Structures are given as C-alpha cells and as structure tokens.
Protein backbone atom coordinates (compact mmCIF):
# COMPACT_ATOMS: atom_id res chain seq x y z
CA MET A 1 13.25 39.72 -154.19
CA ALA A 2 12.13 38.94 -150.64
CA ASP A 3 14.06 39.89 -147.57
CA MET A 4 15.25 36.92 -145.44
CA ASN A 5 14.74 38.83 -142.17
CA VAL A 6 11.07 39.54 -142.92
CA PRO A 7 8.70 36.64 -142.29
CA SER A 8 6.87 35.47 -145.32
CA ASP A 9 3.13 35.50 -145.66
CA PRO A 10 1.62 32.13 -144.93
CA ASN A 11 -1.27 32.71 -147.29
CA ALA A 12 1.02 33.48 -150.13
CA GLU A 13 3.23 30.40 -149.78
CA GLY A 14 0.50 27.86 -148.74
CA GLU A 15 -0.15 25.54 -145.80
CA ASP A 16 2.86 23.24 -146.24
CA SER A 17 5.38 25.94 -145.40
CA ASN A 18 4.58 25.83 -141.54
CA LEU A 19 4.28 22.01 -141.07
CA PRO A 20 7.83 21.33 -139.70
CA GLU A 21 7.36 23.99 -137.02
CA VAL A 22 4.03 22.40 -135.92
CA ARG A 23 5.62 18.92 -135.66
CA LEU A 24 8.43 20.31 -133.49
CA GLU A 25 5.95 21.85 -131.01
CA LEU A 26 3.98 18.60 -130.72
CA THR A 27 7.11 16.57 -130.09
CA GLN A 28 8.20 18.90 -127.25
CA ALA A 29 4.72 18.71 -125.60
CA GLY A 30 4.79 14.92 -125.75
CA VAL A 31 8.24 14.84 -124.24
CA ARG A 32 7.10 17.11 -121.42
CA GLN A 33 4.06 14.91 -120.78
CA VAL A 34 6.16 11.76 -120.68
CA MET A 35 8.66 13.37 -118.32
CA SER A 36 5.88 14.57 -115.97
CA LEU A 37 4.39 11.07 -115.85
CA TYR A 38 7.81 9.61 -115.16
CA THR A 39 8.37 12.17 -112.41
CA GLU A 40 5.02 11.29 -110.79
CA GLU A 41 5.85 7.59 -110.97
CA GLN A 42 9.22 8.20 -109.37
CA ALA A 43 7.60 10.26 -106.61
CA GLY A 44 5.06 7.50 -106.00
CA ARG A 45 7.81 4.92 -105.77
CA GLY A 46 9.74 7.12 -103.32
CA GLN A 47 6.64 7.67 -101.16
CA TYR A 48 5.64 3.98 -100.90
CA GLY A 49 9.17 2.60 -100.69
CA GLY A 50 9.13 1.20 -104.15
CA ILE A 51 6.43 -1.38 -103.27
CA SER A 52 3.24 -1.63 -105.25
CA PHE A 53 1.61 -5.03 -104.95
CA GLY A 54 -2.10 -5.74 -105.36
CA VAL A 55 -4.39 -8.60 -104.41
CA GLU A 56 -4.17 -10.16 -107.86
CA GLU A 57 -0.38 -10.15 -107.70
CA LEU A 58 -0.61 -11.76 -104.21
CA PHE A 59 -2.81 -14.59 -105.52
CA ASP A 60 -0.52 -14.97 -108.50
CA ALA A 61 2.47 -15.23 -106.17
CA LEU A 62 0.67 -17.83 -104.02
CA ARG A 63 -0.27 -19.88 -107.08
CA GLU A 64 3.24 -19.70 -108.37
CA HIS A 65 4.97 -20.52 -105.03
CA TRP A 66 2.35 -22.69 -103.32
CA ARG A 67 4.89 -25.37 -102.63
CA THR A 68 6.95 -22.92 -100.58
CA VAL A 69 3.87 -21.82 -98.59
CA ALA A 70 2.86 -25.44 -97.96
CA LEU A 71 6.41 -26.27 -96.85
CA CYS A 72 6.38 -23.35 -94.36
CA LEU A 73 2.99 -24.47 -92.99
CA PHE A 74 4.36 -27.97 -92.55
CA ALA A 75 7.38 -26.53 -90.78
CA GLY A 76 4.99 -24.65 -88.44
CA VAL A 77 3.19 -27.92 -87.68
CA LEU A 78 6.50 -29.59 -86.91
CA LEU A 79 7.46 -26.63 -84.71
CA SER A 80 4.20 -26.94 -82.75
CA ILE A 81 4.81 -30.67 -82.27
CA ALA A 82 8.35 -29.95 -81.07
CA VAL A 83 7.13 -27.30 -78.66
CA LEU A 84 4.47 -29.61 -77.24
CA THR A 85 6.99 -32.45 -77.02
CA PHE A 86 9.98 -30.71 -75.44
CA THR A 87 8.32 -27.94 -73.39
CA SER A 88 7.87 -28.72 -69.70
CA PRO A 89 4.25 -28.27 -68.56
CA LEU A 90 3.53 -25.45 -66.13
CA TYR A 91 0.69 -25.72 -63.62
CA THR A 92 -1.17 -22.89 -61.86
CA VAL A 93 -2.35 -23.34 -58.27
CA THR A 94 -4.33 -20.55 -56.55
CA ALA A 95 -5.49 -19.81 -53.02
CA GLN A 96 -7.21 -16.91 -51.25
CA VAL A 97 -6.38 -15.63 -47.78
CA VAL A 98 -8.57 -13.21 -45.80
CA LEU A 99 -6.84 -10.90 -43.30
CA GLU A 100 -8.62 -9.67 -40.16
CA ARG A 101 -7.53 -7.32 -37.40
CA GLN A 102 -8.70 -7.89 -33.85
CA ASP A 103 -9.50 -5.01 -31.49
CA PRO A 104 -8.50 -5.71 -27.86
CA SER A 105 -10.53 -2.75 -26.53
CA GLU A 106 -13.78 -4.64 -26.96
CA THR A 107 -15.09 -7.06 -24.38
CA ARG A 108 -14.97 -9.79 -26.97
CA VAL A 109 -12.22 -9.81 -29.53
CA ALA A 110 -13.89 -8.75 -32.77
CA PRO A 111 -12.59 -8.20 -36.34
CA VAL A 112 -11.90 -4.65 -37.44
CA ASN A 113 -12.00 -3.27 -40.98
CA THR A 114 -8.60 -2.98 -42.61
CA SER A 115 -7.55 -0.52 -45.28
CA SER A 116 -6.55 -1.38 -48.82
CA ALA A 117 -3.05 -0.06 -48.19
CA PHE A 118 -2.66 -2.46 -45.27
CA ILE A 119 -3.85 -5.39 -47.40
CA ALA A 120 -1.41 -4.45 -50.18
CA THR A 121 1.42 -4.20 -47.65
CA GLN A 122 0.60 -7.59 -46.19
CA ALA A 123 0.53 -9.07 -49.70
CA GLU A 124 4.09 -7.83 -50.22
CA VAL A 125 5.07 -9.31 -46.86
CA MET A 126 3.46 -12.61 -47.77
CA GLN A 127 5.66 -12.96 -50.88
CA SER A 128 8.79 -11.61 -49.18
CA ARG A 129 11.97 -13.64 -49.14
CA SER A 130 11.93 -14.30 -45.40
CA VAL A 131 8.40 -15.71 -45.45
CA LEU A 132 9.13 -17.84 -48.50
CA ALA A 133 12.34 -19.12 -46.87
CA ALA A 134 10.31 -20.27 -43.87
CA ALA A 135 7.73 -21.80 -46.22
CA VAL A 136 10.41 -23.75 -48.10
CA GLU A 137 11.74 -24.98 -44.76
CA LEU A 138 8.27 -26.21 -43.86
CA THR A 139 7.91 -28.05 -47.17
CA GLN A 140 11.36 -29.64 -46.88
CA LEU A 141 11.77 -30.62 -43.27
CA GLU A 142 14.71 -32.89 -44.00
CA HIS A 143 16.84 -29.85 -44.86
CA PRO A 144 17.45 -27.47 -41.95
CA GLU A 145 17.94 -24.55 -44.34
CA PRO A 146 16.64 -24.17 -47.91
CA GLU A 147 19.12 -23.96 -50.72
CA LYS A 148 19.47 -20.70 -52.54
CA ASP A 149 18.25 -22.14 -55.87
CA GLU A 150 15.12 -23.54 -54.24
CA LEU A 151 14.41 -20.25 -52.52
CA ASP A 152 14.91 -18.29 -55.76
CA ALA A 153 12.62 -20.71 -57.61
CA ALA A 154 9.96 -20.36 -54.92
CA GLN A 155 10.23 -16.57 -55.01
CA GLU A 156 9.79 -16.60 -58.80
CA SER A 157 6.86 -19.02 -58.74
CA ILE A 158 4.82 -17.43 -55.90
CA GLN A 159 2.79 -14.29 -56.56
CA ALA A 160 0.63 -12.49 -53.97
CA SER A 161 -1.75 -9.66 -54.87
CA ALA A 162 -4.46 -7.80 -52.96
CA VAL A 163 -8.02 -8.11 -54.25
CA SER A 164 -9.32 -4.57 -54.69
CA GLY A 165 -12.05 -3.51 -52.31
CA THR A 166 -11.74 -6.58 -50.07
CA GLN A 167 -9.57 -7.93 -47.28
CA VAL A 168 -8.48 -10.85 -49.42
CA VAL A 169 -5.00 -11.63 -50.71
CA ALA A 170 -4.82 -13.89 -53.78
CA LEU A 171 -1.91 -16.34 -53.84
CA SER A 172 -0.84 -18.08 -57.03
CA TYR A 173 1.82 -20.65 -57.87
CA LEU A 174 3.14 -21.21 -61.39
CA GLY A 175 5.53 -24.14 -61.64
CA LEU A 176 6.26 -27.64 -62.77
CA ASP A 177 4.91 -29.60 -59.78
CA PRO A 178 1.30 -28.87 -58.78
CA VAL A 179 1.54 -31.00 -55.63
CA TYR A 180 4.58 -29.06 -54.49
CA GLY A 181 2.70 -25.87 -55.38
CA ILE A 182 -0.17 -26.85 -53.05
CA GLU A 183 2.28 -27.64 -50.26
CA LEU A 184 4.19 -24.41 -50.88
CA LEU A 185 1.03 -22.27 -50.75
CA ASP A 186 -0.10 -23.93 -47.51
CA ALA A 187 3.39 -23.53 -46.08
CA THR A 188 3.45 -19.87 -47.15
CA VAL A 189 0.22 -19.15 -45.28
CA ALA A 190 1.51 -21.05 -42.23
CA ALA A 191 4.85 -19.18 -42.33
CA TYR A 192 3.02 -15.88 -42.65
CA ARG A 193 0.86 -16.75 -39.62
CA ASN A 194 3.95 -17.69 -37.62
CA ARG A 195 5.63 -14.44 -38.58
CA LEU A 196 2.56 -12.41 -37.59
CA GLN A 197 2.35 -14.17 -34.24
CA ASN A 198 6.09 -13.82 -33.57
CA GLU A 199 6.06 -10.15 -34.50
CA GLU A 200 2.99 -9.55 -32.33
CA ILE A 201 4.58 -11.38 -29.40
CA ASP A 202 7.79 -9.37 -29.77
CA ASN A 203 5.82 -6.15 -30.06
CA GLN A 204 3.76 -6.88 -26.96
CA ASN A 205 6.89 -7.93 -25.04
CA GLN A 206 8.58 -4.65 -25.95
CA ARG A 207 5.52 -2.66 -24.90
CA LEU A 208 5.26 -4.62 -21.66
CA SER A 209 8.94 -4.04 -20.88
CA ALA A 210 8.60 -0.32 -21.61
CA LYS A 211 5.49 0.05 -19.42
CA GLN A 212 7.07 -2.03 -16.67
CA ALA A 213 10.17 0.19 -16.72
CA GLU A 214 8.00 3.31 -16.68
CA TYR A 215 5.96 1.96 -13.76
CA GLU A 216 9.09 1.13 -11.77
CA ALA A 217 10.55 4.58 -12.50
CA LEU A 218 7.35 6.19 -11.20
CA LEU A 219 7.52 4.07 -8.04
CA ALA A 220 11.10 5.22 -7.52
CA ASP A 221 9.96 8.84 -7.97
CA ILE A 222 7.23 8.32 -5.36
CA ALA A 223 9.75 6.88 -2.89
CA ALA A 224 12.09 9.83 -3.46
CA LEU A 225 9.25 12.35 -3.00
CA GLU A 226 8.07 10.66 0.19
CA GLN A 227 11.60 10.68 1.54
CA GLN A 228 11.96 14.36 0.64
CA LEU A 229 8.65 15.14 2.37
CA ASP A 230 9.65 13.25 5.53
CA SER A 231 13.03 14.96 5.62
CA LEU A 232 11.38 18.35 5.18
CA ARG A 233 8.94 17.72 8.03
CA ARG A 234 11.59 16.32 10.39
CA SER A 235 13.98 19.20 9.79
CA ASN A 236 11.41 22.00 10.05
CA PHE A 237 8.33 20.87 11.92
CA ASN A 238 9.62 18.08 14.23
CA GLY A 239 7.87 15.42 12.22
CA GLY A 240 4.56 17.25 11.96
CA SER A 241 2.90 18.71 8.92
CA ALA A 242 3.37 22.27 7.75
CA GLU A 243 -0.37 22.91 7.91
CA ASP A 244 -0.45 22.04 11.61
CA ALA A 245 2.65 24.13 12.29
CA VAL A 246 1.20 27.15 10.50
CA ALA A 247 -2.12 26.76 12.32
CA ALA A 248 -0.33 26.59 15.70
CA GLN A 249 1.81 29.59 14.82
CA LEU A 250 -1.27 31.56 13.81
CA GLN A 251 -2.89 30.74 17.17
CA ILE A 252 0.24 31.91 19.01
CA ILE A 253 0.24 35.15 17.05
CA ARG A 254 -3.45 35.70 17.80
CA ASP A 255 -2.82 35.13 21.53
CA GLN A 256 0.21 37.43 21.53
CA THR A 257 -1.72 40.08 19.64
CA GLN A 258 -4.61 39.88 22.08
CA ARG A 259 -2.25 40.08 25.08
CA LEU A 260 -0.41 43.00 23.55
CA GLY A 261 -3.69 44.77 22.94
CA THR A 262 -4.74 44.25 26.56
CA VAL A 263 -1.44 45.59 27.90
CA ARG A 264 -1.64 48.55 25.55
CA GLN A 265 -5.17 49.34 26.66
CA ASN A 266 -4.14 49.21 30.37
CA ARG A 267 -1.17 51.48 29.70
CA ILE A 268 -3.31 54.00 27.89
CA ALA A 269 -5.86 53.93 30.71
CA LEU A 270 -3.15 54.51 33.35
CA GLU A 271 -1.63 57.34 31.33
CA THR A 272 -5.07 58.90 30.96
CA GLN A 273 -5.74 58.70 34.70
CA LEU A 274 -2.32 60.05 35.51
CA LEU A 275 -2.78 63.01 33.18
CA ALA A 276 -6.32 63.66 34.45
CA GLY A 277 -5.28 63.53 38.15
CA SER A 278 -8.10 61.16 39.06
CA VAL A 279 -6.82 58.34 41.18
CA SER A 280 -10.04 57.25 42.83
CA SER A 281 -10.71 54.58 40.27
CA THR A 282 -7.14 53.45 40.55
CA LEU A 283 -7.39 53.27 44.32
CA ASN A 284 -10.56 51.31 44.07
CA ASP A 285 -8.90 48.95 41.66
CA ASN A 286 -5.82 48.58 43.91
CA PRO A 287 -6.24 45.59 46.27
CA VAL A 288 -4.03 47.10 48.98
CA THR A 289 -6.11 50.27 49.03
CA ARG A 290 -9.31 48.28 49.11
CA SER A 291 -7.97 46.27 52.07
CA LEU A 292 -7.03 49.44 53.98
CA GLN A 293 -10.42 50.94 53.26
CA ASP A 294 -12.17 47.81 54.50
CA ARG A 295 -10.07 47.73 57.68
CA LEU A 296 -10.67 51.45 58.24
CA ILE A 297 -14.39 51.00 57.95
CA GLN A 298 -14.29 48.15 60.43
CA ALA A 299 -12.08 50.16 62.83
CA GLU A 300 -14.40 53.16 62.69
CA ALA A 301 -17.36 50.92 63.35
CA GLU A 302 -15.57 49.38 66.31
CA LEU A 303 -14.69 52.88 67.66
CA ALA A 304 -18.29 54.00 67.38
CA ARG A 305 -19.51 50.90 69.16
CA THR A 306 -17.01 51.28 72.01
CA ARG A 307 -17.89 54.96 72.47
CA GLN A 308 -21.47 54.04 72.86
CA THR A 309 -20.74 51.63 75.68
CA LEU A 310 -17.61 53.14 77.27
CA ARG A 311 -16.41 56.52 78.33
CA SER A 312 -14.06 58.55 76.25
CA GLY A 313 -10.97 57.95 78.36
CA HIS A 314 -11.39 54.23 78.54
CA PRO A 315 -8.38 52.25 77.27
CA THR A 316 -10.48 50.30 74.79
CA VAL A 317 -11.74 53.51 73.29
CA GLU A 318 -8.21 54.80 73.15
CA ALA A 319 -6.97 51.66 71.45
CA ALA A 320 -9.80 51.80 68.90
CA GLN A 321 -9.03 55.44 68.26
CA ARG A 322 -5.35 54.67 67.66
CA GLU A 323 -6.31 51.88 65.23
CA VAL A 324 -8.52 54.26 63.27
CA ASP A 325 -5.86 56.93 63.19
CA LEU A 326 -3.23 54.43 62.03
CA LEU A 327 -5.40 53.13 59.20
CA ARG A 328 -6.29 56.65 58.10
CA ASP A 329 -2.62 57.56 58.10
CA GLN A 330 -1.75 54.46 56.00
CA LEU A 331 -4.60 55.18 53.60
CA ALA A 332 -3.43 58.81 53.26
CA ARG A 333 0.14 57.71 52.57
CA THR A 334 -1.18 55.20 50.02
CA GLU A 335 -3.20 57.90 48.29
CA ARG A 336 -0.16 60.17 48.18
CA ALA A 337 1.98 57.34 46.75
CA THR A 338 -0.61 56.33 44.10
CA PRO A 339 0.57 58.69 41.27
CA LEU A 340 4.10 57.38 41.64
CA LEU A 341 2.81 53.84 41.56
CA ILE A 342 0.77 54.66 38.48
CA SER A 343 3.86 56.06 36.78
CA LYS A 344 5.78 52.91 37.64
CA GLU A 345 2.93 50.78 36.34
CA VAL A 346 2.91 52.80 33.12
CA GLU A 347 6.62 52.24 32.67
CA ALA A 348 6.23 48.54 33.43
CA ALA A 349 3.35 48.35 30.94
CA LYS A 350 5.50 50.03 28.31
CA GLY A 351 8.31 47.55 28.89
CA LEU A 352 5.92 44.62 28.73
CA GLU A 353 4.39 46.05 25.59
CA GLU A 354 7.79 46.31 23.94
CA GLN A 355 8.62 42.75 24.92
CA LEU A 356 5.32 41.51 23.59
CA ALA A 357 5.83 43.47 20.33
CA ALA A 358 9.29 41.92 19.91
CA VAL A 359 7.92 38.47 20.60
CA LEU A 360 5.10 39.12 18.14
CA THR A 361 7.61 40.19 15.50
CA GLU A 362 9.61 37.01 16.04
CA GLU A 363 6.44 34.93 15.88
CA ARG A 364 5.45 36.59 12.60
CA ALA A 365 8.90 35.88 11.16
CA THR A 366 8.51 32.30 12.29
CA LEU A 367 5.07 32.26 10.64
CA ALA A 368 6.53 33.56 7.38
CA GLU A 369 9.19 30.85 7.44
CA ALA A 370 6.56 28.25 8.26
CA ASP A 371 4.39 29.51 5.41
CA ARG A 372 7.35 29.23 3.02
CA MET A 373 7.98 25.70 4.23
CA ARG A 374 4.28 24.99 3.84
CA ARG A 375 4.37 26.12 0.21
CA GLU A 376 7.40 23.95 -0.41
CA GLU A 377 5.73 21.03 1.33
CA ARG A 378 2.55 21.67 -0.66
CA MET A 379 4.49 21.59 -3.93
CA VAL A 380 6.11 18.31 -2.93
CA THR A 381 2.73 16.96 -1.81
CA GLU A 382 1.02 17.98 -5.05
CA GLU A 383 3.80 16.41 -7.09
CA LEU A 384 3.51 13.29 -4.96
CA ASN A 385 -0.27 13.16 -5.50
CA GLN A 386 0.11 13.66 -9.25
CA THR A 387 2.75 10.96 -9.39
CA GLN A 388 0.51 8.62 -7.42
CA ASP A 389 -2.36 9.29 -9.84
CA LEU A 390 -0.01 8.61 -12.73
CA VAL A 391 1.16 5.42 -11.04
CA ASP A 392 -2.44 4.27 -10.71
CA GLU A 393 -3.03 4.97 -14.38
CA ARG A 394 0.19 3.20 -15.39
CA ARG A 395 -0.72 0.28 -13.17
CA ARG A 396 -4.00 -0.16 -15.04
CA ALA A 397 -2.19 0.17 -18.38
CA LEU A 398 0.37 -2.40 -17.22
CA LEU A 399 -2.38 -4.85 -16.30
CA ASP A 400 -4.01 -4.31 -19.71
CA GLN A 401 -0.65 -4.83 -21.42
CA ARG A 402 -0.12 -8.07 -19.54
CA LEU A 403 -3.51 -9.23 -20.77
CA LEU A 404 -2.59 -8.27 -24.34
CA LYS A 405 0.65 -10.23 -24.02
CA ARG A 406 -1.26 -13.30 -22.90
CA LEU A 407 -3.62 -12.87 -25.86
CA ALA A 408 -0.66 -12.50 -28.23
CA ASP A 409 0.96 -15.64 -26.78
CA ALA A 410 -2.29 -17.48 -27.36
CA GLY A 411 -2.57 -16.13 -30.92
CA GLU A 412 -5.81 -14.24 -30.23
CA PHE A 413 -4.63 -10.73 -30.92
CA GLY A 414 -3.27 -8.75 -33.87
CA VAL A 415 -3.83 -9.83 -37.47
CA THR A 416 -5.20 -13.26 -38.37
CA ALA A 417 -4.82 -14.95 -41.77
CA ARG A 418 -7.49 -17.44 -42.77
CA LEU A 419 -7.75 -19.48 -45.98
CA ILE A 420 -11.12 -19.02 -47.65
CA ALA A 421 -10.13 -20.84 -50.88
CA GLU A 422 -7.94 -23.89 -50.41
CA PRO A 423 -5.35 -24.65 -53.11
CA VAL A 424 -6.59 -27.43 -55.43
CA GLN A 425 -4.56 -29.55 -57.82
CA PRO A 426 -5.33 -28.49 -61.43
CA GLN A 427 -6.63 -31.00 -63.95
CA ALA A 428 -4.55 -29.71 -66.89
CA PRO A 429 -1.38 -27.64 -67.24
CA THR A 430 -1.65 -23.96 -67.91
CA TRP A 431 1.17 -24.09 -70.46
CA PRO A 432 1.61 -25.34 -73.13
CA ASN A 433 -1.93 -25.14 -74.56
CA PRO A 434 -1.95 -27.49 -77.61
CA LEU A 435 -4.54 -25.56 -79.62
CA LEU A 436 -2.90 -22.20 -78.93
CA VAL A 437 0.57 -23.55 -79.76
CA PHE A 438 -0.69 -25.11 -82.99
CA ILE A 439 -2.40 -21.89 -84.08
CA ILE A 440 0.64 -19.74 -83.27
CA CYS A 441 3.18 -22.03 -84.97
CA CYS A 442 1.04 -22.63 -88.08
CA GLY A 443 0.23 -18.94 -88.37
CA LEU A 444 3.92 -18.09 -88.07
CA GLY A 445 4.85 -20.69 -90.71
CA GLY A 446 2.13 -19.49 -93.11
CA LEU A 447 3.18 -15.86 -92.67
CA VAL A 448 6.81 -16.75 -93.44
CA GLY A 449 5.69 -18.68 -96.55
CA VAL A 450 3.54 -15.81 -97.88
CA CYS A 451 6.32 -13.29 -97.31
CA TRP A 452 8.78 -15.53 -99.09
CA ALA A 453 6.39 -15.96 -102.07
CA VAL A 454 5.84 -12.21 -102.34
CA PHE A 455 9.56 -11.58 -102.16
CA LYS A 456 10.27 -14.06 -104.94
CA SER A 457 7.51 -12.58 -107.10
CA ARG A 458 8.93 -9.07 -106.68
CA GLN A 459 12.31 -10.29 -107.78
CA ALA A 460 10.87 -11.98 -110.89
CA PHE A 461 8.69 -9.06 -112.00
CA ASP A 462 9.52 -5.38 -111.47
CA PRO A 463 7.16 -3.06 -113.42
CA TRP A 464 9.12 0.02 -112.53
CA ALA A 465 12.15 -1.26 -114.25
CA SER A 466 10.19 -1.94 -117.46
CA ASP A 467 8.54 1.46 -117.36
CA SER A 468 11.84 3.21 -116.99
CA SER A 469 13.34 1.26 -119.83
CA GLU A 470 10.44 2.20 -122.14
CA SER A 471 10.55 5.87 -121.26
CA MET A 472 14.26 6.36 -121.65
CA PRO A 473 14.33 6.51 -125.58
C-alpha cells in the first residue's frame, strides 16, 4: 500500500496523472501575461493623457462629421465678412526728420555730427506730451487748447523712433483719418522746431544774463580796487606811487650814508692828527692860519724892502717891524690853540655823526614802511591787472554771447529739424487686410470644426473601454 506523503512515480502511473497540474501552470502564465499587457496599456494611457488618435481615425471623423466642419468654415467666412464690415479702417502715415547740430565756433555755421543717444533722446522729446499738445493746437486753430481726449488720441497714434546709425527720426501715424495724420505729423515737426528754438533762445538769454552779471561784477571789483589804490597812495605817498617813494627814499639814504661816511672820515683824520701831534697839515688846511701866514709873508717882504731903502731907526722900518712881530705873535697863538680847536672839531664831528646816524636810522625805518606799502600796493596793482585781463576776456565772451543770442533769435543756431521724407496719404488702409482677415477667420473656423469632429468621434468610440471590458473576465 502506497504512502500518501510520498510522491508517486510518474512512469508507473502514466502520463495522464500530471495533466491537471500542467493546465494550472499554463493558466497562471496566461493570466500574468494578460495582466502585464493591461498594465502597459494603462501606463500608456496615463502617459499620453488617455488620447490615442491616428490619421485614419481623423479622416474617419472628418467623413462622419463633415457637415459640422463645413458649418464652422461657413461661420469663419461670416466672421471675416463681419470683421471687414464693422471694423474701422486704420491708415499709416510716415515721415522722416533729420536732426543737425550747428557749431557757432566756425566762421560759417556748419552741421556737426550727433550721437545716437542724442537722436534717441530727441525722438522721445518729439513724441512727448507737450510737443503733441502744441501740434494738436496747430492742427485745430479754432480751439485755443486741445481737449484731453484729442491729446490722448494723438499721443497713442504718433510714434517716433531713431533710425540706427543715422541722424534721422522716423515718425509714424496710425489712425482713422490719413489727412489728419498728415497734418498732425507736419504740426508735430513744426511744434518740435518751435520748442527747439524757444529752448535755445531761453538758454542763450540765461547765458547772456549770467555773463552780463559776471562782467558787471568784475567792473565793480575794478572800481573798488582802483579806489583802494588811490586811497593807499593818498594816505601814504601824497598821491604818488610807492615805487617813486621808495626810489626817493633810497636816494635820501644813499646821500645820508655818503655824508655820514665823509664826516666819519674827517673825524678819524682829526683824531689821528691829534694823537700823532702833527698839526702842520691842520694849520695848512685852516683858512685863518693860511691868511695869517700870507700876511706874515707879505709883512716880512715889506720889512726887508724898507730896510734896504731906509735906516734901521726910521719910523717906517719900525712900523713894518711891529707888523711882522704882531703877525708872528698871532700865528704862534694860533698854533698853540690848534690842538684845542682840533679837539673841539672832533667833538663836533662826533655830534654830527650821531645826528646823521639817527637820521639815517629814521630814513631806513621810513624806507621799510615804504617798502611794506609798496608790497601792499603791488598786490593791489597785480590784482587790478588780473581783474582787468579777466574783464577783457569776459568782454570778448559777452560779445560772442550776444552774437549767439542774435543767431538763436534768427533760428540759425542749435539743433535744426528738417523733413527729408514728407508724409504722403496712403492708397489703402493698413488694417483690416481682407485677405489676411479671411485666412485667419476661415482657419479659426476650420480648426474649431476639426476639434469638434474629433471630440465627437472620441465620445462615440473609446477603445480603452472595450479593452478593459474584455480583459476583466
């Protein structure tokens, strides 16, 4: 008897004993395969949003719902007709303005190259609200001031842009009335020119006023300096110049120095003679001594002559002898009194020397004061000369500025705006374009029809739903 826990021998029992187990394994493999396919299909549906539609299905949908597509195309045609019928036509008017700067430094006013940044800035100014307000006023002269709606419409319709690499500003108008657009563009250029001229005139007037005020201030400074110089000369040099006063003082000092030197030399010579005991030179230099000596010589000559002709006791001889004796006695007394006289002369020379030294010291102090006044006067004079040079320079600048003001008043200076492309009335409106509107509306209608046909076909046939229903059992 066989044990139930021991597997039986397949050879002993035959092939049919293992068939149910083989069928069970095949059924499980098939189930796993079906589930894996279902899982892949679900993943594909999740990845592509549940949409899987081919070209054949698209043609099938169009064949099935062609009436809907045709109706949408017809609706697009009607929409294009409505747009062309009820849409107001818009016209584009263009113009080009060239900007040139003029250089006043040249002999003839010539244009100067302008930068791209300047052109872009002027383009913004050209489409600014103030310029457009003046342009609207020029186009509507019956209204003293433009209404706000008209100004807003003009600001929305006008566009100014700088042409790259040139000095040209492109103006464009996009609006309902092309004639008004031409007038508005012309008025915009005219208003811009007026603004440039007014700004240039104001700028030149401000510069002229500033230079005129500076010139007048310099003239006032010159008057004050001249008054200060005159007051300085009147108070210190009696109306003369400091240079003349210093030169005169220097001459006085030179004379005083020379005189002092002479007195000093005489004093030294007298002191030397007095110390040496030699008075002969002093006697010879003394006029009184020289007179006595001359008279003595004459008296001795007269005595000798009388002795030759008369006897010794004759009264004439006696008188001549007394004259000679008297002169000799006077000359002897003079020689004895000479050292005392020399001492007195030395003392007098010393006193004179001291006086001259004091005077020289005072004159040098006066010279120092005069030199200080001269430096002060020189500083005032130099400042006056510099101010006068500056006045001359400012006078030339003022004359140039007056010329620039006249040029600005005449409109021949600053920035000029010139039309190089006049605005022309367009032949056809820019919008709406019939062909473009028809293509857009019909394309939109056809796209709506195709999408609607595809949507209806997806609702009628869903392969995912059928696949899921088949795989569920």
